[in-house]
Amino acid sequence: MARIEHICEDAAIVSGQADGEMYFRMGLMHANGRGAVPDFVEAHKWFNIAAMRGEQRAVALRRELSEEMTSDQIAAAQRAAREWLSVH
């Protein structure tokens, strides 16, 4: 059953129908490098999307993450979030 729930969550994220919590978890996965090398640009992107969906914790973590990023990385993350939102 857990696998079915995971597939449903994945579908919601890809379709843009997930809640802020799911996007927040995507940001955490990328920030922590769970299963891969940490990717701060991707993490920032997902925290942006989570914040837009009302997830307040994403705002604080996005701010913290920004302190570790260059301005070019932040701009890339913001661009990626806008691009993702325009498609979903």
PDB file of N, CA and C in Angstrom:
ATOM      1  N   MET A   1       0.808  -1.191   0.000  1.00  0.00           N
ATOM      2  CA  MET A   1       0.000   0.000   0.000  1.00  0.00           C
ATOM      3  C   MET A   1       0.860   1.267   0.000  1.00  0.00           C
ATOM      4  N   ALA A   2       1.967   1.249   0.706  1.00  0.00           N
ATOM      5  CA  ALA A   2       2.840   2.417   0.770  1.00  0.00           C
ATOM      6  C   ALA A   2       3.354   2.790  -0.614  1.00  0.00           C
ATOM      7  N   ARG A   3       3.635   1.794  -1.440  1.00  0.00           N
ATOM      8  CA  ARG A   3       4.114   2.064  -2.792  1.00  0.00           C
ATOM      9  C   ARG A   3       3.051   2.783  -3.612  1.00  0.00           C
ATOM     10  N   ILE A   4       1.792   2.390  -3.447  1.00  0.00           N
ATOM     11  CA  ILE A   4       0.695   3.041  -4.162  1.00  0.00           C
ATOM     12  C   ILE A   4       0.576   4.500  -3.719  1.00  0.00           C
ATOM     13  N   GLU A   5       0.693   4.750  -2.424  1.00  0.00           N
ATOM     14  CA  GLU A   5       0.648   6.121  -1.924  1.00  0.00           C
ATOM     15  C   GLU A   5       1.792   6.938  -2.500  1.00  0.00           C
ATOM     16  N   HIS A   6       2.980   6.330  -2.590  1.00  0.00           N
ATOM     17  CA  HIS A   6       4.146   7.014  -3.145  1.00  0.00           C
ATOM     18  C   HIS A   6       3.906   7.368  -4.614  1.00  0.00           C
ATOM     19  N   ILE A   7       3.337   6.450  -5.376  1.00  0.00           N
ATOM     20  CA  ILE A   7       3.043   6.705  -6.790  1.00  0.00           C
ATOM     21  C   ILE A   7       2.037   7.846  -6.907  1.00  0.00           C
ATOM     22  N   CYS A   8       1.038   7.870  -6.047  1.00  0.00           N
ATOM     23  CA  CYS A   8       0.048   8.941  -6.065  1.00  0.00           C
ATOM     24  C   CYS A   8       0.685  10.287  -5.740  1.00  0.00           C
ATOM     25  N   GLU A   9       1.582  10.306  -4.756  1.00  0.00           N
ATOM     26  CA  GLU A   9       2.291  11.533  -4.415  1.00  0.00           C
ATOM     27  C   GLU A   9       3.138  12.005  -5.591  1.00  0.00           C
ATOM     28  N   ASP A  10       3.867  11.078  -6.232  1.00  0.00           N
ATOM     29  CA  ASP A  10       4.685  11.435  -7.387  1.00  0.00           C
ATOM     30  C   ASP A  10       3.828  12.046  -8.486  1.00  0.00           C
ATOM     31  N   ALA A  11       2.688  11.444  -8.752  1.00  0.00           N
ATOM     32  CA  ALA A  11       1.792  11.949  -9.790  1.00  0.00           C
ATOM     33  C   ALA A  11       1.290  13.347  -9.437  1.00  0.00           C
ATOM     34  N   ALA A  12       0.985  13.570  -8.179  1.00  0.00           N
ATOM     35  CA  ALA A  12       0.511  14.880  -7.743  1.00  0.00           C
ATOM     36  C   ALA A  12       1.600  15.931  -7.917  1.00  0.00           C
ATOM     37  N   ILE A  13       2.821  15.586  -7.584  1.00  0.00           N
ATOM     38  CA  ILE A  13       3.934  16.525  -7.726  1.00  0.00           C
ATOM     39  C   ILE A  13       4.161  16.868  -9.191  1.00  0.00           C
ATOM     40  N   VAL A  14       4.217  15.860 -10.026  1.00  0.00           N
ATOM     41  CA  VAL A  14       4.469  16.073 -11.453  1.00  0.00           C
ATOM     42  C   VAL A  14       3.348  16.876 -12.092  1.00  0.00           C
ATOM     43  N   SER A  15       2.116  16.627 -11.691  1.00  0.00           N
ATOM     44  CA  SER A  15       0.975  17.313 -12.297  1.00  0.00           C
ATOM     45  C   SER A  15       0.772  18.721 -11.756  1.00  0.00           C
ATOM     46  N   GLY A  16       1.481  19.056 -10.678  1.00  0.00           N
ATOM     47  CA  GLY A  16       1.317  20.369 -10.071  1.00  0.00           C
ATOM     48  C   GLY A  16       0.146  20.432  -9.110  1.00  0.00           C
ATOM     49  N   GLN A  17      -0.418  19.287  -8.736  1.00  0.00           N
ATOM     50  CA  GLN A  17      -1.595  19.232  -7.876  1.00  0.00           C
ATOM     51  C   GLN A  17      -1.268  18.912  -6.419  1.00  0.00           C
ATOM     52  N   ALA A  18      -0.009  18.865  -6.075  1.00  0.00           N
ATOM     53  CA  ALA A  18       0.379  18.528  -4.704  1.00  0.00           C
ATOM     54  C   ALA A  18       0.172  19.728  -3.784  1.00  0.00           C
ATOM     55  N   ASP A  19       0.122  19.443  -2.498  1.00  0.00           N
ATOM     56  CA  ASP A  19       0.041  20.537  -1.541  1.00  0.00           C
ATOM     57  C   ASP A  19       1.451  21.016  -1.194  1.00  0.00           C
ATOM     58  N   GLY A  20       1.526  22.102  -0.439  1.00  0.00           N
ATOM     59  CA  GLY A  20       2.818  22.674  -0.085  1.00  0.00           C
ATOM     60  C   GLY A  20       3.740  21.711   0.636  1.00  0.00           C
ATOM     61  N   GLU A  21       3.168  20.826   1.445  1.00  0.00           N
ATOM     62  CA  GLU A  21       3.959  19.853   2.201  1.00  0.00           C
ATOM     63  C   GLU A  21       4.769  18.950   1.273  1.00  0.00           C
ATOM     64  N   MET A  22       4.166  18.493   0.196  1.00  0.00           N
ATOM     65  CA  MET A  22       4.885  17.605  -0.727  1.00  0.00           C
ATOM     66  C   MET A  22       6.038  18.329  -1.417  1.00  0.00           C
ATOM     67  N   TYR A  23       5.795  19.561  -1.815  1.00  0.00           N
ATOM     68  CA  TYR A  23       6.875  20.326  -2.450  1.00  0.00           C
ATOM     69  C   TYR A  23       7.975  20.651  -1.437  1.00  0.00           C
ATOM     70  N   PHE A  24       7.567  20.896  -0.205  1.00  0.00           N
ATOM     71  CA  PHE A  24       8.532  21.127   0.867  1.00  0.00           C
ATOM     72  C   PHE A  24       9.435  19.901   1.030  1.00  0.00           C
ATOM     73  N   ARG A  25       8.839  18.716   1.029  1.00  0.00           N
ATOM     74  CA  ARG A  25       9.634  17.489   1.155  1.00  0.00           C
ATOM     75  C   ARG A  25      10.580  17.314  -0.030  1.00  0.00           C
ATOM     76  N   MET A  26      10.151  17.725  -1.218  1.00  0.00           N
ATOM     77  CA  MET A  26      11.053  17.671  -2.380  1.00  0.00           C
ATOM     78  C   MET A  26      12.257  18.581  -2.134  1.00  0.00           C
ATOM     79  N   GLY A  27      12.002  19.759  -1.596  1.00  0.00           N
ATOM     80  CA  GLY A  27      13.098  20.670  -1.276  1.00  0.00           C
ATOM     81  C   GLY A  27      14.058  20.076  -0.268  1.00  0.00           C
ATOM     82  N   LEU A  28      13.508  19.442   0.764  1.00  0.00           N
ATOM     83  CA  LEU A  28      14.358  18.804   1.775  1.00  0.00           C
ATOM     84  C   LEU A  28      15.221  17.707   1.157  1.00  0.00           C
ATOM     85  N   MET A  29      14.616  16.901   0.299  1.00  0.00           N
ATOM     86  CA  MET A  29      15.377  15.814  -0.335  1.00  0.00           C
ATOM     87  C   MET A  29      16.572  16.366  -1.111  1.00  0.00           C
ATOM     88  N   HIS A  30      16.360  17.433  -1.861  1.00  0.00           N
ATOM     89  CA  HIS A  30      17.453  18.003  -2.647  1.00  0.00           C
ATOM     90  C   HIS A  30      18.468  18.725  -1.766  1.00  0.00           C
ATOM     91  N   ALA A  31      18.011  19.384  -0.722  1.00  0.00           N
ATOM     92  CA  ALA A  31      18.924  20.098   0.181  1.00  0.00           C
ATOM     93  C   ALA A  31      19.823  19.133   0.936  1.00  0.00           C
ATOM     94  N   ASN A  32      19.253  18.005   1.338  1.00  0.00           N
ATOM     95  CA  ASN A  32      19.998  17.020   2.124  1.00  0.00           C
ATOM     96  C   ASN A  32      20.732  16.012   1.261  1.00  0.00           C
ATOM     97  N   GLY A  33      20.405  15.969  -0.008  1.00  0.00           N
ATOM     98  CA  GLY A  33      21.065  15.022  -0.897  1.00  0.00           C
ATOM     99  C   GLY A  33      20.615  13.590  -0.682  1.00  0.00           C
ATOM    100  N   ARG A  34      19.396  13.414  -0.204  1.00  0.00           N
ATOM    101  CA  ARG A  34      18.902  12.066   0.033  1.00  0.00           C
ATOM    102  C   ARG A  34      18.845  11.313  -1.294  1.00  0.00           C
ATOM    103  N   GLY A  35      19.686  10.300  -1.414  1.00  0.00           N
ATOM    104  CA  GLY A  35      19.742   9.495  -2.624  1.00  0.00           C
ATOM    105  C   GLY A  35      20.615  10.086  -3.716  1.00  0.00           C
ATOM    106  N   ALA A  36      21.194  11.239  -3.471  1.00  0.00           N
ATOM    107  CA  ALA A  36      22.028  11.885  -4.486  1.00  0.00           C
ATOM    108  C   ALA A  36      22.856  12.982  -3.814  1.00  0.00           C
ATOM    109  N   VAL A  37      23.638  13.660  -4.612  1.00  0.00           N
ATOM    110  CA  VAL A  37      24.436  14.791  -4.131  1.00  0.00           C
ATOM    111  C   VAL A  37      23.481  15.959  -3.864  1.00  0.00           C
ATOM    112  N   PRO A  38      23.657  16.704  -2.760  1.00  0.00           N
ATOM    113  CA  PRO A  38      22.791  17.856  -2.519  1.00  0.00           C
ATOM    114  C   PRO A  38      22.797  18.824  -3.704  1.00  0.00           C
ATOM    115  N   ASP A  39      21.638  19.338  -4.028  1.00  0.00           N
ATOM    116  CA  ASP A  39      21.485  20.278  -5.136  1.00  0.00           C
ATOM    117  C   ASP A  39      20.700  21.470  -4.599  1.00  0.00           C
ATOM    118  N   PHE A  40      21.423  22.516  -4.219  1.00  0.00           N
ATOM    119  CA  PHE A  40      20.798  23.676  -3.598  1.00  0.00           C
ATOM    120  C   PHE A  40      19.880  24.432  -4.554  1.00  0.00           C
ATOM    121  N   VAL A  41      20.213  24.456  -5.830  1.00  0.00           N
ATOM    122  CA  VAL A  41      19.354  25.140  -6.807  1.00  0.00           C
ATOM    123  C   VAL A  41      17.995  24.443  -6.868  1.00  0.00           C
ATOM    124  N   GLU A  42      18.001  23.123  -6.977  1.00  0.00           N
ATOM    125  CA  GLU A  42      16.743  22.369  -7.003  1.00  0.00           C
ATOM    126  C   GLU A  42      15.998  22.510  -5.681  1.00  0.00           C
ATOM    127  N   ALA A  43      16.720  22.456  -4.574  1.00  0.00           N
ATOM    128  CA  ALA A  43      16.083  22.604  -3.264  1.00  0.00           C
ATOM    129  C   ALA A  43      15.392  23.962  -3.160  1.00  0.00           C
ATOM    130  N   HIS A  44      16.086  25.007  -3.552  1.00  0.00           N
ATOM    131  CA  HIS A  44      15.537  26.362  -3.498  1.00  0.00           C
ATOM    132  C   HIS A  44      14.296  26.449  -4.382  1.00  0.00           C
ATOM    133  N   LYS A  45      14.368  25.846  -5.574  1.00  0.00           N
ATOM    134  CA  LYS A  45      13.215  25.834  -6.481  1.00  0.00           C
ATOM    135  C   LYS A  45      11.997  25.222  -5.788  1.00  0.00           C
ATOM    136  N   TRP A  46      12.159  24.045  -5.196  1.00  0.00           N
ATOM    137  CA  TRP A  46      11.031  23.367  -4.558  1.00  0.00           C
ATOM    138  C   TRP A  46      10.552  24.127  -3.326  1.00  0.00           C
ATOM    139  N   PHE A  47      11.459  24.760  -2.584  1.00  0.00           N
ATOM    140  CA  PHE A  47      11.041  25.573  -1.447  1.00  0.00           C
ATOM    141  C   PHE A  47      10.229  26.788  -1.926  1.00  0.00           C
ATOM    142  N   ASN A  48      10.620  27.360  -3.063  1.00  0.00           N
ATOM    143  CA  ASN A  48       9.839  28.462  -3.649  1.00  0.00           C
ATOM    144  C   ASN A  48       8.417  28.013  -3.939  1.00  0.00           C
ATOM    145  N   ILE A  49       8.302  26.871  -4.590  1.00  0.00           N
ATOM    146  CA  ILE A  49       6.985  26.350  -4.971  1.00  0.00           C
ATOM    147  C   ILE A  49       6.174  26.005  -3.725  1.00  0.00           C
ATOM    148  N   ALA A  50       6.818  25.396  -2.745  1.00  0.00           N
ATOM    149  CA  ALA A  50       6.129  25.063  -1.496  1.00  0.00           C
ATOM    150  C   ALA A  50       5.624  26.328  -0.803  1.00  0.00           C
ATOM    151  N   ALA A  51       6.453  27.364  -0.784  1.00  0.00           N
ATOM    152  CA  ALA A  51       6.056  28.624  -0.157  1.00  0.00           C
ATOM    153  C   ALA A  51       4.854  29.228  -0.876  1.00  0.00           C
ATOM    154  N   MET A  52       4.842  29.127  -2.193  1.00  0.00           N
ATOM    155  CA  MET A  52       3.701  29.638  -2.960  1.00  0.00           C
ATOM    156  C   MET A  52       2.426  28.853  -2.677  1.00  0.00           C
ATOM    157  N   ARG A  53       2.590  27.616  -2.236  1.00  0.00           N
ATOM    158  CA  ARG A  53       1.441  26.763  -1.899  1.00  0.00           C
ATOM    159  C   ARG A  53       1.094  26.873  -0.409  1.00  0.00           C
ATOM    160  N   GLY A  54       1.716  27.846   0.279  1.00  0.00           N
ATOM    161  CA  GLY A  54       1.346  28.127   1.654  1.00  0.00           C
ATOM    162  C   GLY A  54       2.169  27.437   2.729  1.00  0.00           C
ATOM    163  N   GLU A  55       3.242  26.777   2.354  1.00  0.00           N
ATOM    164  CA  GLU A  55       4.067  26.054   3.340  1.00  0.00           C
ATOM    165  C   GLU A  55       5.071  27.026   3.966  1.00  0.00           C
ATOM    166  N   GLN A  56       4.769  27.475   5.192  1.00  0.00           N
ATOM    167  CA  GLN A  56       5.589  28.483   5.862  1.00  0.00           C
ATOM    168  C   GLN A  56       6.994  27.998   6.206  1.00  0.00           C
ATOM    169  N   ARG A  57       7.145  26.718   6.487  1.00  0.00           N
ATOM    170  CA  ARG A  57       8.486  26.202   6.806  1.00  0.00           C
ATOM    171  C   ARG A  57       9.422  26.374   5.616  1.00  0.00           C
ATOM    172  N   ALA A  58       8.876  26.345   4.412  1.00  0.00           N
ATOM    173  CA  ALA A  58       9.690  26.490   3.210  1.00  0.00           C
ATOM    174  C   ALA A  58      10.308  27.881   3.130  1.00  0.00           C
ATOM    175  N   VAL A  59       9.593  28.863   3.608  1.00  0.00           N
ATOM    176  CA  VAL A  59      10.103  30.240   3.581  1.00  0.00           C
ATOM    177  C   VAL A  59      11.388  30.344   4.409  1.00  0.00           C
ATOM    178  N   ALA A  60      11.358  29.780   5.601  1.00  0.00           N
ATOM    179  CA  ALA A  60      12.530  29.848   6.492  1.00  0.00           C
ATOM    180  C   ALA A  60      13.706  29.055   5.919  1.00  0.00           C
ATOM    181  N   LEU A  61      13.447  27.862   5.417  1.00  0.00           N
ATOM    182  CA  LEU A  61      14.544  27.051   4.882  1.00  0.00           C
ATOM    183  C   LEU A  61      15.093  27.638   3.590  1.00  0.00           C
ATOM    184  N   ARG A  62      14.238  28.233   2.786  1.00  0.00           N
ATOM    185  CA  ARG A  62      14.711  28.891   1.559  1.00  0.00           C
ATOM    186  C   ARG A  62      15.651  30.034   1.927  1.00  0.00           C
ATOM    187  N   ARG A  63      15.308  30.783   2.961  1.00  0.00           N
ATOM    188  CA  ARG A  63      16.154  31.892   3.424  1.00  0.00           C
ATOM    189  C   ARG A  63      17.507  31.365   3.907  1.00  0.00           C
ATOM    190  N   GLU A  64      17.478  30.301   4.710  1.00  0.00           N
ATOM    191  CA  GLU A  64      18.730  29.698   5.197  1.00  0.00           C
ATOM    192  C   GLU A  64      19.584  29.191   4.044  1.00  0.00           C
ATOM    193  N   LEU A  65      18.962  28.520   3.128  1.00  0.00           N
ATOM    194  CA  LEU A  65      19.673  27.963   1.981  1.00  0.00           C
ATOM    195  C   LEU A  65      20.297  29.067   1.133  1.00  0.00           C
ATOM    196  N   SER A  66      19.585  30.167   0.988  1.00  0.00           N
ATOM    197  CA  SER A  66      20.080  31.293   0.197  1.00  0.00           C
ATOM    198  C   SER A  66      21.406  31.837   0.720  1.00  0.00           C
ATOM    199  N   GLU A  67      21.613  31.717   2.019  1.00  0.00           N
ATOM    200  CA  GLU A  67      22.858  32.198   2.617  1.00  0.00           C
ATOM    201  C   GLU A  67      24.060  31.369   2.178  1.00  0.00           C
ATOM    202  N   GLU A  68      23.809  30.157   1.706  1.00  0.00           N
ATOM    203  CA  GLU A  68      24.873  29.264   1.251  1.00  0.00           C
ATOM    204  C   GLU A  68      25.049  29.282  -0.268  1.00  0.00           C
ATOM    205  N   MET A  69      24.220  30.061  -0.952  1.00  0.00           N
ATOM    206  CA  MET A  69      24.209  30.059  -2.417  1.00  0.00           C
ATOM    207  C   MET A  69      24.748  31.375  -2.974  1.00  0.00           C
ATOM    208  N   THR A  70      25.226  31.311  -4.205  1.00  0.00           N
ATOM    209  CA  THR A  70      25.635  32.531  -4.903  1.00  0.00           C
ATOM    210  C   THR A  70      24.393  33.197  -5.489  1.00  0.00           C
ATOM    211  N   SER A  71      24.535  34.451  -5.867  1.00  0.00           N
ATOM    212  CA  SER A  71      23.396  35.144  -6.482  1.00  0.00           C
ATOM    213  C   SER A  71      23.006  34.493  -7.807  1.00  0.00           C
ATOM    214  N   ASP A  72      23.976  33.947  -8.540  1.00  0.00           N
ATOM    215  CA  ASP A  72      23.667  33.243  -9.785  1.00  0.00           C
ATOM    216  C   ASP A  72      22.861  31.977  -9.521  1.00  0.00           C
ATOM    217  N   GLN A  73      23.188  31.267  -8.459  1.00  0.00           N
ATOM    218  CA  GLN A  73      22.447  30.059  -8.104  1.00  0.00           C
ATOM    219  C   GLN A  73      21.008  30.396  -7.698  1.00  0.00           C
ATOM    220  N   ILE A  74      20.855  31.461  -6.932  1.00  0.00           N
ATOM    221  CA  ILE A  74      19.518  31.877  -6.509  1.00  0.00           C
ATOM    222  C   ILE A  74      18.689  32.274  -7.728  1.00  0.00           C
ATOM    223  N   ALA A  75      19.295  33.031  -8.628  1.00  0.00           N
ATOM    224  CA  ALA A  75      18.588  33.433  -9.849  1.00  0.00           C
ATOM    225  C   ALA A  75      18.187  32.210 -10.672  1.00  0.00           C
ATOM    226  N   ALA A  76      19.077  31.217 -10.751  1.00  0.00           N
ATOM    227  CA  ALA A  76      18.763  29.989 -11.495  1.00  0.00           C
ATOM    228  C   ALA A  76      17.607  29.240 -10.844  1.00  0.00           C
ATOM    229  N   ALA A  77      17.587  29.202  -9.513  1.00  0.00           N
ATOM    230  CA  ALA A  77      16.510  28.519  -8.795  1.00  0.00           C
ATOM    231  C   ALA A  77      15.176  29.242  -9.005  1.00  0.00           C
ATOM    232  N   GLN A  78      15.193  30.551  -8.964  1.00  0.00           N
ATOM    233  CA  GLN A  78      13.971  31.316  -9.176  1.00  0.00           C
ATOM    234  C   GLN A  78      13.459  31.140 -10.602  1.00  0.00           C
ATOM    235  N   ARG A  79      14.370  31.141 -11.549  1.00  0.00           N
ATOM    236  CA  ARG A  79      14.005  30.917 -12.950  1.00  0.00           C
ATOM    237  C   ARG A  79      13.393  29.524 -13.125  1.00  0.00           C
ATOM    238  N   ALA A  80      14.024  28.520 -12.491  1.00  0.00           N
ATOM    239  CA  ALA A  80      13.523  27.145 -12.592  1.00  0.00           C
ATOM    240  C   ALA A  80      12.124  27.026 -11.980  1.00  0.00           C
ATOM    241  N   ALA A  81      11.890  27.700 -10.875  1.00  0.00           N
ATOM    242  CA  ALA A  81      10.560  27.663 -10.239  1.00  0.00           C
ATOM    243  C   ALA A  81       9.520  28.307 -11.156  1.00  0.00           C
ATOM    244  N   ARG A  82       9.859  29.452 -11.749  1.00  0.00           N
ATOM    245  CA  ARG A  82       8.923  30.107 -12.673  1.00  0.00           C
ATOM    246  C   ARG A  82       8.624  29.220 -13.871  1.00  0.00           C
ATOM    247  N   GLU A  83       9.670  28.593 -14.421  1.00  0.00           N
ATOM    248  CA  GLU A  83       9.475  27.708 -15.569  1.00  0.00           C
ATOM    249  C   GLU A  83       8.592  26.526 -15.205  1.00  0.00           C
ATOM    250  N   TRP A  84       8.834  25.935 -14.034  1.00  0.00           N
ATOM    251  CA  TRP A  84       8.036  24.785 -13.605  1.00  0.00           C
ATOM    252  C   TRP A  84       6.581  25.184 -13.433  1.00  0.00           C
ATOM    253  N   LEU A  85       6.368  26.338 -12.797  1.00  0.00           N
ATOM    254  CA  LEU A  85       5.005  26.799 -12.559  1.00  0.00           C
ATOM    255  C   LEU A  85       4.276  27.140 -13.865  1.00  0.00           C
ATOM    256  N   SER A  86       5.017  27.615 -14.846  1.00  0.00           N
ATOM    257  CA  SER A  86       4.369  27.958 -16.123  1.00  0.00           C
ATOM    258  C   SER A  86       3.878  26.723 -16.864  1.00  0.00           C
ATOM    259  N   VAL A  87       4.505  25.579 -16.604  1.00  0.00           N
ATOM    260  CA  VAL A  87       4.113  24.330 -17.247  1.00  0.00           C
ATOM    261  C   VAL A  87       3.042  23.601 -16.428  1.00  0.00           C
ATOM    262  N   HIS A  88       3.091  23.764 -15.108  1.00  0.00           N
ATOM    263  CA  HIS A  88       2.168  23.038 -14.234  1.00  0.00           C
ATOM    264  C   HIS A  88       1.168  23.971 -13.665  1.00  0.00           C
TER     265      HIS A  88
END
